[in-house]
Amino acid sequence: MGFRHRPGLSVRLVDGEVVILDRETEKIHQLNSTASLVWNRLARESDLADVAREFSTLFDVEESAALEDVRRIVEKLRELRLLLPLVEIHS
């Protein structure tokens, strides 16, 4: 399943990290550099395995470990309702 950013969020890059203003919940989220990389990569690619492959190369870690890290970050972003499954956007 693919994911996309939830519509209606205000997103800025501050000192290399993503800062998200969620007007719906009136919260500001500052993503660390790793979560920012996942966030930005998901703007172009919805396949988590592709994101993990990029992580594996960038951080010189096993692809399986990178995939677990990416999944944890995506799950947290979903809990915060910053990411939605593609099916939610289209329905």
PDB file of N, CA and C in Angstrom:
ATOM      1  N   MET A   1       0.852  -1.178   0.000  1.00  0.00           N
ATOM      2  CA  MET A   1       0.000   0.000   0.000  1.00  0.00           C
ATOM      3  C   MET A   1       0.892   1.235   0.000  1.00  0.00           C
ATOM      4  N   GLY A   2       0.489   2.227  -0.797  1.00  0.00           N
ATOM      5  CA  GLY A   2       1.240   3.463  -0.864  1.00  0.00           C
ATOM      6  C   GLY A   2       0.665   4.529   0.057  1.00  0.00           C
ATOM      7  N   PHE A   3       1.440   5.565   0.245  1.00  0.00           N
ATOM      8  CA  PHE A   3       1.038   6.654   1.129  1.00  0.00           C
ATOM      9  C   PHE A   3       1.300   7.994   0.457  1.00  0.00           C
ATOM     10  N   ARG A   4       0.539   8.980   0.880  1.00  0.00           N
ATOM     11  CA  ARG A   4       0.722  10.352   0.417  1.00  0.00           C
ATOM     12  C   ARG A   4       0.527  11.294   1.592  1.00  0.00           C
ATOM     13  N   HIS A   5       1.061  12.498   1.450  1.00  0.00           N
ATOM     14  CA  HIS A   5       0.873  13.530   2.481  1.00  0.00           C
ATOM     15  C   HIS A   5      -0.602  13.896   2.550  1.00  0.00           C
ATOM     16  N   ARG A   6      -1.087  14.148   3.751  1.00  0.00           N
ATOM     17  CA  ARG A   6      -2.479  14.553   3.904  1.00  0.00           C
ATOM     18  C   ARG A   6      -2.648  15.952   3.325  1.00  0.00           C
ATOM     19  N   PRO A   7      -3.677  16.162   2.521  1.00  0.00           N
ATOM     20  CA  PRO A   7      -3.929  17.495   1.971  1.00  0.00           C
ATOM     21  C   PRO A   7      -4.202  18.502   3.093  1.00  0.00           C
ATOM     22  N   GLY A   8      -3.852  19.757   2.849  1.00  0.00           N
ATOM     23  CA  GLY A   8      -4.164  20.825   3.777  1.00  0.00           C
ATOM     24  C   GLY A   8      -3.093  21.119   4.807  1.00  0.00           C
ATOM     25  N   LEU A   9      -1.960  20.420   4.738  1.00  0.00           N
ATOM     26  CA  LEU A   9      -0.874  20.687   5.673  1.00  0.00           C
ATOM     27  C   LEU A   9       0.025  21.783   5.106  1.00  0.00           C
ATOM     28  N   SER A  10       0.578  22.594   5.976  1.00  0.00           N
ATOM     29  CA  SER A  10       1.550  23.606   5.592  1.00  0.00           C
ATOM     30  C   SER A  10       2.928  23.049   5.923  1.00  0.00           C
ATOM     31  N   VAL A  11       3.776  22.917   4.922  1.00  0.00           N
ATOM     32  CA  VAL A  11       5.074  22.270   5.109  1.00  0.00           C
ATOM     33  C   VAL A  11       6.187  23.239   4.708  1.00  0.00           C
ATOM     34  N   ARG A  12       7.200  23.346   5.573  1.00  0.00           N
ATOM     35  CA  ARG A  12       8.354  24.200   5.316  1.00  0.00           C
ATOM     36  C   ARG A  12       9.618  23.430   5.662  1.00  0.00           C
ATOM     37  N   LEU A  13      10.704  23.795   5.022  1.00  0.00           N
ATOM     38  CA  LEU A  13      12.009  23.248   5.336  1.00  0.00           C
ATOM     39  C   LEU A  13      12.748  24.284   6.181  1.00  0.00           C
ATOM     40  N   VAL A  14      13.152  23.908   7.392  1.00  0.00           N
ATOM     41  CA  VAL A  14      13.850  24.804   8.307  1.00  0.00           C
ATOM     42  C   VAL A  14      15.141  24.118   8.749  1.00  0.00           C
ATOM     43  N   ASP A  15      16.258  24.708   8.415  1.00  0.00           N
ATOM     44  CA  ASP A  15      17.565  24.142   8.775  1.00  0.00           C
ATOM     45  C   ASP A  15      17.694  22.675   8.378  1.00  0.00           C
ATOM     46  N   GLY A  16      17.200  22.337   7.199  1.00  0.00           N
ATOM     47  CA  GLY A  16      17.330  20.981   6.679  1.00  0.00           C
ATOM     48  C   GLY A  16      16.317  19.987   7.208  1.00  0.00           C
ATOM     49  N   GLU A  17      15.400  20.422   8.054  1.00  0.00           N
ATOM     50  CA  GLU A  17      14.381  19.529   8.592  1.00  0.00           C
ATOM     51  C   GLU A  17      12.992  20.028   8.230  1.00  0.00           C
ATOM     52  N   VAL A  18      12.079  19.098   8.063  1.00  0.00           N
ATOM     53  CA  VAL A  18      10.705  19.428   7.691  1.00  0.00           C
ATOM     54  C   VAL A  18       9.928  19.863   8.937  1.00  0.00           C
ATOM     55  N   VAL A  19       9.225  20.988   8.793  1.00  0.00           N
ATOM     56  CA  VAL A  19       8.326  21.468   9.833  1.00  0.00           C
ATOM     57  C   VAL A  19       6.929  21.510   9.218  1.00  0.00           C
ATOM     58  N   ILE A  20       5.969  20.893   9.908  1.00  0.00           N
ATOM     59  CA  ILE A  20       4.614  20.753   9.384  1.00  0.00           C
ATOM     60  C   ILE A  20       3.640  21.450  10.317  1.00  0.00           C
ATOM     61  N   LEU A  21       2.851  22.343   9.750  1.00  0.00           N
ATOM     62  CA  LEU A  21       1.766  22.975  10.504  1.00  0.00           C
ATOM     63  C   LEU A  21       0.478  22.269  10.123  1.00  0.00           C
ATOM     64  N   ASP A  22      -0.151  21.670  11.131  1.00  0.00           N
ATOM     65  CA  ASP A  22      -1.419  20.979  10.934  1.00  0.00           C
ATOM     66  C   ASP A  22      -2.506  21.873  11.526  1.00  0.00           C
ATOM     67  N   ARG A  23      -3.162  22.630  10.681  1.00  0.00           N
ATOM     68  CA  ARG A  23      -4.189  23.560  11.157  1.00  0.00           C
ATOM     69  C   ARG A  23      -5.402  22.834  11.734  1.00  0.00           C
ATOM     70  N   GLU A  24      -5.657  21.626  11.251  1.00  0.00           N
ATOM     71  CA  GLU A  24      -6.793  20.839  11.732  1.00  0.00           C
ATOM     72  C   GLU A  24      -6.651  20.520  13.222  1.00  0.00           C
ATOM     73  N   THR A  25      -5.435  20.142  13.637  1.00  0.00           N
ATOM     74  CA  THR A  25      -5.198  19.796  15.037  1.00  0.00           C
ATOM     75  C   THR A  25      -4.525  20.929  15.809  1.00  0.00           C
ATOM     76  N   GLU A  26      -4.180  22.002  15.086  1.00  0.00           N
ATOM     77  CA  GLU A  26      -3.482  23.149  15.663  1.00  0.00           C
ATOM     78  C   GLU A  26      -2.160  22.738  16.307  1.00  0.00           C
ATOM     79  N   LYS A  27      -1.418  21.858  15.603  1.00  0.00           N
ATOM     80  CA  LYS A  27      -0.121  21.386  16.087  1.00  0.00           C
ATOM     81  C   LYS A  27       0.946  21.640  15.044  1.00  0.00           C
ATOM     82  N   ILE A  28       2.157  21.813  15.534  1.00  0.00           N
ATOM     83  CA  ILE A  28       3.332  21.934  14.679  1.00  0.00           C
ATOM     84  C   ILE A  28       4.203  20.714  14.942  1.00  0.00           C
ATOM     85  N   HIS A  29       4.655  20.072  13.875  1.00  0.00           N
ATOM     86  CA  HIS A  29       5.503  18.889  13.976  1.00  0.00           C
ATOM     87  C   HIS A  29       6.840  19.201  13.320  1.00  0.00           C
ATOM     88  N   GLN A  30       7.927  18.975  14.041  1.00  0.00           N
ATOM     89  CA  GLN A  30       9.254  19.122  13.467  1.00  0.00           C
ATOM     90  C   GLN A  30       9.857  17.738  13.326  1.00  0.00           C
ATOM     91  N   LEU A  31      10.120  17.341  12.096  1.00  0.00           N
ATOM     92  CA  LEU A  31      10.670  16.015  11.832  1.00  0.00           C
ATOM     93  C   LEU A  31      12.185  16.062  11.901  1.00  0.00           C
ATOM     94  N   ASN A  32      12.783  15.044  12.493  1.00  0.00           N
ATOM     95  CA  ASN A  32      14.244  14.985  12.485  1.00  0.00           C
ATOM     96  C   ASN A  32      14.722  14.701  11.059  1.00  0.00           C
ATOM     97  N   SER A  33      16.025  14.678  10.880  1.00  0.00           N
ATOM     98  CA  SER A  33      16.560  14.557   9.514  1.00  0.00           C
ATOM     99  C   SER A  33      16.156  13.239   8.847  1.00  0.00           C
ATOM    100  N   THR A  34      16.092  12.153   9.600  1.00  0.00           N
ATOM    101  CA  THR A  34      15.707  10.860   9.020  1.00  0.00           C
ATOM    102  C   THR A  34      14.234  10.864   8.623  1.00  0.00           C
ATOM    103  N   ALA A  35      13.365  11.323   9.516  1.00  0.00           N
ATOM    104  CA  ALA A  35      11.934  11.402   9.195  1.00  0.00           C
ATOM    105  C   ALA A  35      11.692  12.394   8.061  1.00  0.00           C
ATOM    106  N   SER A  36      12.468  13.466   8.021  1.00  0.00           N
ATOM    107  CA  SER A  36      12.340  14.446   6.930  1.00  0.00           C
ATOM    108  C   SER A  36      12.666  13.806   5.591  1.00  0.00           C
ATOM    109  N   LEU A  37      13.689  12.966   5.585  1.00  0.00           N
ATOM    110  CA  LEU A  37      14.056  12.277   4.354  1.00  0.00           C
ATOM    111  C   LEU A  37      12.933  11.360   3.888  1.00  0.00           C
ATOM    112  N   VAL A  38      12.322  10.625   4.821  1.00  0.00           N
ATOM    113  CA  VAL A  38      11.181   9.756   4.474  1.00  0.00           C
ATOM    114  C   VAL A  38      10.040  10.614   3.946  1.00  0.00           C
ATOM    115  N   TRP A  39       9.702  11.685   4.640  1.00  0.00           N
ATOM    116  CA  TRP A  39       8.624  12.581   4.237  1.00  0.00           C
ATOM    117  C   TRP A  39       8.840  13.080   2.801  1.00  0.00           C
ATOM    118  N   ASN A  40      10.037  13.579   2.539  1.00  0.00           N
ATOM    119  CA  ASN A  40      10.333  14.122   1.209  1.00  0.00           C
ATOM    120  C   ASN A  40      10.333  13.042   0.141  1.00  0.00           C
ATOM    121  N   ARG A  41      10.834  11.871   0.468  1.00  0.00           N
ATOM    122  CA  ARG A  41      10.875  10.781  -0.504  1.00  0.00           C
ATOM    123  C   ARG A  41       9.464  10.302  -0.832  1.00  0.00           C
ATOM    124  N   LEU A  42       8.578  10.286   0.169  1.00  0.00           N
ATOM    125  CA  LEU A  42       7.201   9.851  -0.073  1.00  0.00           C
ATOM    126  C   LEU A  42       6.431  10.857  -0.933  1.00  0.00           C
ATOM    127  N   ALA A  43       6.932  12.071  -1.039  1.00  0.00           N
ATOM    128  CA  ALA A  43       6.301  13.042  -1.933  1.00  0.00           C
ATOM    129  C   ALA A  43       6.506  12.632  -3.396  1.00  0.00           C
ATOM    130  N   ARG A  44       7.555  11.848  -3.650  1.00  0.00           N
ATOM    131  CA  ARG A  44       7.864  11.426  -5.024  1.00  0.00           C
ATOM    132  C   ARG A  44       7.586   9.952  -5.281  1.00  0.00           C
ATOM    133  N   GLU A  45       7.609   9.156  -4.212  1.00  0.00           N
ATOM    134  CA  GLU A  45       7.544   7.703  -4.359  1.00  0.00           C
ATOM    135  C   GLU A  45       6.694   7.131  -3.239  1.00  0.00           C
ATOM    136  N   SER A  46       5.730   6.291  -3.582  1.00  0.00           N
ATOM    137  CA  SER A  46       4.861   5.744  -2.551  1.00  0.00           C
ATOM    138  C   SER A  46       5.296   4.359  -2.074  1.00  0.00           C
ATOM    139  N   ASP A  47       6.260   3.739  -2.737  1.00  0.00           N
ATOM    140  CA  ASP A  47       6.671   2.387  -2.385  1.00  0.00           C
ATOM    141  C   ASP A  47       7.722   2.413  -1.278  1.00  0.00           C
ATOM    142  N   LEU A  48       7.374   1.864  -0.117  1.00  0.00           N
ATOM    143  CA  LEU A  48       8.285   1.891   1.028  1.00  0.00           C
ATOM    144  C   LEU A  48       9.574   1.121   0.765  1.00  0.00           C
ATOM    145  N   ALA A  49       9.501   0.076  -0.032  1.00  0.00           N
ATOM    146  CA  ALA A  49      10.711  -0.693  -0.347  1.00  0.00           C
ATOM    147  C   ALA A  49      11.710   0.169  -1.118  1.00  0.00           C
ATOM    148  N   ASP A  50      11.224   1.015  -2.010  1.00  0.00           N
ATOM    149  CA  ASP A  50      12.118   1.919  -2.744  1.00  0.00           C
ATOM    150  C   ASP A  50      12.751   2.939  -1.804  1.00  0.00           C
ATOM    151  N   VAL A  51      11.967   3.451  -0.875  1.00  0.00           N
ATOM    152  CA  VAL A  51      12.491   4.389   0.112  1.00  0.00           C
ATOM    153  C   VAL A  51      13.557   3.693   0.960  1.00  0.00           C
ATOM    154  N   ALA A  52      13.286   2.465   1.367  1.00  0.00           N
ATOM    155  CA  ALA A  52      14.243   1.703   2.181  1.00  0.00           C
ATOM    156  C   ALA A  52      15.533   1.436   1.414  1.00  0.00           C
ATOM    157  N   ARG A  53      15.436   1.152   0.126  1.00  0.00           N
ATOM    158  CA  ARG A  53      16.639   0.930  -0.683  1.00  0.00           C
ATOM    159  C   ARG A  53      17.504   2.190  -0.683  1.00  0.00           C
ATOM    160  N   GLU A  54      16.864   3.340  -0.821  1.00  0.00           N
ATOM    161  CA  GLU A  54      17.608   4.600  -0.790  1.00  0.00           C
ATOM    162  C   GLU A  54      18.276   4.784   0.579  1.00  0.00           C
ATOM    163  N   PHE A  55      17.543   4.509   1.663  1.00  0.00           N
ATOM    164  CA  PHE A  55      18.095   4.600   3.011  1.00  0.00           C
ATOM    165  C   PHE A  55      19.288   3.664   3.177  1.00  0.00           C
ATOM    166  N   SER A  56      19.124   2.457   2.682  1.00  0.00           N
ATOM    167  CA  SER A  56      20.171   1.456   2.799  1.00  0.00           C
ATOM    168  C   SER A  56      21.470   1.966   2.185  1.00  0.00           C
ATOM    169  N   THR A  57      21.368   2.592   1.041  1.00  0.00           N
ATOM    170  CA  THR A  57      22.532   3.141   0.361  1.00  0.00           C
ATOM    171  C   THR A  57      23.088   4.354   1.103  1.00  0.00           C
ATOM    172  N   LEU A  58      22.211   5.275   1.478  1.00  0.00           N
ATOM    173  CA  LEU A  58      22.649   6.511   2.144  1.00  0.00           C
ATOM    174  C   LEU A  58      23.326   6.253   3.487  1.00  0.00           C
ATOM    175  N   PHE A  59      22.779   5.321   4.264  1.00  0.00           N
ATOM    176  CA  PHE A  59      23.265   5.101   5.618  1.00  0.00           C
ATOM    177  C   PHE A  59      24.100   3.833   5.765  1.00  0.00           C
ATOM    178  N   ASP A  60      24.345   3.135   4.636  1.00  0.00           N
ATOM    179  CA  ASP A  60      25.165   1.927   4.632  1.00  0.00           C
ATOM    180  C   ASP A  60      24.686   0.917   5.688  1.00  0.00           C
ATOM    181  N   VAL A  61      23.386   0.610   5.611  1.00  0.00           N
ATOM    182  CA  VAL A  61      22.782  -0.398   6.489  1.00  0.00           C
ATOM    183  C   VAL A  61      22.093  -1.450   5.633  1.00  0.00           C
ATOM    184  N   GLU A  62      21.824  -2.585   6.248  1.00  0.00           N
ATOM    185  CA  GLU A  62      21.103  -3.638   5.533  1.00  0.00           C
ATOM    186  C   GLU A  62      19.736  -3.127   5.098  1.00  0.00           C
ATOM    187  N   GLU A  63      19.301  -3.549   3.949  1.00  0.00           N
ATOM    188  CA  GLU A  63      18.009  -3.101   3.432  1.00  0.00           C
ATOM    189  C   GLU A  63      16.858  -3.491   4.356  1.00  0.00           C
ATOM    190  N   SER A  64      16.938  -4.658   4.991  1.00  0.00           N
ATOM    191  CA  SER A  64      15.864  -5.080   5.895  1.00  0.00           C
ATOM    192  C   SER A  64      15.780  -4.150   7.110  1.00  0.00           C
ATOM    193  N   ALA A  65      16.924  -3.732   7.639  1.00  0.00           N
ATOM    194  CA  ALA A  65      16.934  -2.792   8.772  1.00  0.00           C
ATOM    195  C   ALA A  65      16.396  -1.434   8.335  1.00  0.00           C
ATOM    196  N   ALA A  66      16.779  -1.003   7.150  1.00  0.00           N
ATOM    197  CA  ALA A  66      16.283   0.269   6.624  1.00  0.00           C
ATOM    198  C   ALA A  66      14.769   0.219   6.444  1.00  0.00           C
ATOM    199  N   LEU A  67      14.256  -0.906   5.955  1.00  0.00           N
ATOM    200  CA  LEU A  67      12.817  -1.038   5.756  1.00  0.00           C
ATOM    201  C   LEU A  67      12.070  -0.963   7.089  1.00  0.00           C
ATOM    202  N   GLU A  68      12.602  -1.580   8.123  1.00  0.00           N
ATOM    203  CA  GLU A  68      11.971  -1.504   9.447  1.00  0.00           C
ATOM    204  C   GLU A  68      11.952  -0.064   9.956  1.00  0.00           C
ATOM    205  N   ASP A  69      13.043   0.659   9.760  1.00  0.00           N
ATOM    206  CA  ASP A  69      13.104   2.065  10.182  1.00  0.00           C
ATOM    207  C   ASP A  69      12.088   2.903   9.416  1.00  0.00           C
ATOM    208  N   VAL A  70      12.027   2.705   8.112  1.00  0.00           N
ATOM    209  CA  VAL A  70      11.074   3.448   7.286  1.00  0.00           C
ATOM    210  C   VAL A  70       9.650   3.131   7.719  1.00  0.00           C
ATOM    211  N   ARG A  71       9.354   1.869   7.967  1.00  0.00           N
ATOM    212  CA  ARG A  71       8.005   1.487   8.407  1.00  0.00           C
ATOM    213  C   ARG A  71       7.638   2.140   9.736  1.00  0.00           C
ATOM    214  N   ARG A  72       8.595   2.193  10.675  1.00  0.00           N
ATOM    215  CA  ARG A  72       8.330   2.839  11.970  1.00  0.00           C
ATOM    216  C   ARG A  72       8.026   4.326  11.800  1.00  0.00           C
ATOM    217  N   ILE A  73       8.785   4.985  10.956  1.00  0.00           N
ATOM    218  CA  ILE A  73       8.565   6.412  10.706  1.00  0.00           C
ATOM    219  C   ILE A  73       7.212   6.630  10.046  1.00  0.00           C
ATOM    220  N   VAL A  74       6.886   5.824   9.056  1.00  0.00           N
ATOM    221  CA  VAL A  74       5.599   5.946   8.362  1.00  0.00           C
ATOM    222  C   VAL A  74       4.450   5.696   9.332  1.00  0.00           C
ATOM    223  N   GLU A  75       4.587   4.704  10.191  1.00  0.00           N
ATOM    224  CA  GLU A  75       3.523   4.419  11.158  1.00  0.00           C
ATOM    225  C   GLU A  75       3.298   5.604  12.096  1.00  0.00           C
ATOM    226  N   LYS A  76       4.377   6.219  12.542  1.00  0.00           N
ATOM    227  CA  LYS A  76       4.237   7.393  13.418  1.00  0.00           C
ATOM    228  C   LYS A  76       3.575   8.546  12.665  1.00  0.00           C
ATOM    229  N   LEU A  77       3.966   8.773  11.422  1.00  0.00           N
ATOM    230  CA  LEU A  77       3.354   9.834  10.615  1.00  0.00           C
ATOM    231  C   LEU A  77       1.878   9.546  10.360  1.00  0.00           C
ATOM    232  N   ARG A  78       1.523   8.266  10.230  1.00  0.00           N
ATOM    233  CA  ARG A  78       0.114   7.885  10.075  1.00  0.00           C
ATOM    234  C   ARG A  78      -0.652   8.116  11.375  1.00  0.00           C
ATOM    235  N   GLU A  79      -0.047   7.771  12.511  1.00  0.00           N
ATOM    236  CA  GLU A  79      -0.699   8.009  13.808  1.00  0.00           C
ATOM    237  C   GLU A  79      -1.022   9.492  13.982  1.00  0.00           C
ATOM    238  N   LEU A  80      -0.124  10.333  13.507  1.00  0.00           N
ATOM    239  CA  LEU A  80      -0.321  11.782  13.600  1.00  0.00           C
ATOM    240  C   LEU A  80      -1.252  12.307  12.503  1.00  0.00           C
ATOM    241  N   ARG A  81      -1.698  11.424  11.617  1.00  0.00           N
ATOM    242  CA  ARG A  81      -2.556  11.750  10.470  1.00  0.00           C
ATOM    243  C   ARG A  81      -1.905  12.761   9.518  1.00  0.00           C
ATOM    244  N   LEU A  82      -0.589  12.645   9.392  1.00  0.00           N
ATOM    245  CA  LEU A  82       0.142  13.474   8.435  1.00  0.00           C
ATOM    246  C   LEU A  82       0.276  12.740   7.105  1.00  0.00           C
ATOM    247  N   LEU A  83       0.234  11.414   7.162  1.00  0.00           N
ATOM    248  CA  LEU A  83       0.247  10.566   5.968  1.00  0.00           C
ATOM    249  C   LEU A  83      -1.049   9.784   5.911  1.00  0.00           C
ATOM    250  N   LEU A  84      -1.539   9.604   4.710  1.00  0.00           N
ATOM    251  CA  LEU A  84      -2.747   8.799   4.486  1.00  0.00           C
ATOM    252  C   LEU A  84      -2.453   7.707   3.473  1.00  0.00           C
ATOM    253  N   PRO A  85      -3.086   6.554   3.625  1.00  0.00           N
ATOM    254  CA  PRO A  85      -3.000   5.546   2.570  1.00  0.00           C
ATOM    255  C   PRO A  85      -3.613   6.110   1.290  1.00  0.00           C
ATOM    256  N   LEU A  86      -3.119   5.718   0.167  1.00  0.00           N
ATOM    257  CA  LEU A  86      -3.631   6.214  -1.106  1.00  0.00           C
ATOM    258  C   LEU A  86      -5.125   6.008  -1.241  1.00  0.00           C
ATOM    259  N   VAL A  87      -5.653   4.903  -0.733  1.00  0.00           N
ATOM    260  CA  VAL A  87      -7.099   4.635  -0.861  1.00  0.00           C
ATOM    261  C   VAL A  87      -7.929   5.678  -0.140  1.00  0.00           C
ATOM    262  N   GLU A  88      -7.446   6.240   0.991  1.00  0.00           N
ATOM    263  CA  GLU A  88      -8.207   7.265   1.712  1.00  0.00           C
ATOM    264  C   GLU A  88      -8.291   8.558   0.927  1.00  0.00           C
ATOM    265  N   ILE A  89      -7.282   8.857   0.159  1.00  0.00           N
ATOM    266  CA  ILE A  89      -7.267  10.090  -0.618  1.00  0.00           C
ATOM    267  C   ILE A  89      -8.267   9.993  -1.761  1.00  0.00           C
ATOM    268  N   HIS A  90      -8.371   8.803  -2.341  1.00  0.00           N
ATOM    269  CA  HIS A  90      -9.232   8.636  -3.520  1.00  0.00           C
ATOM    270  C   HIS A  90     -10.673   8.336  -3.177  1.00  0.00           C
ATOM    271  N   SER A  91     -10.978   8.024  -1.937  1.00  0.00           N
ATOM    272  CA  SER A  91     -12.358   7.671  -1.604  1.00  0.00           C
ATOM    273  C   SER A  91     -13.129   8.832  -1.046  1.00  0.00           C
TER     274      SER A  91
END
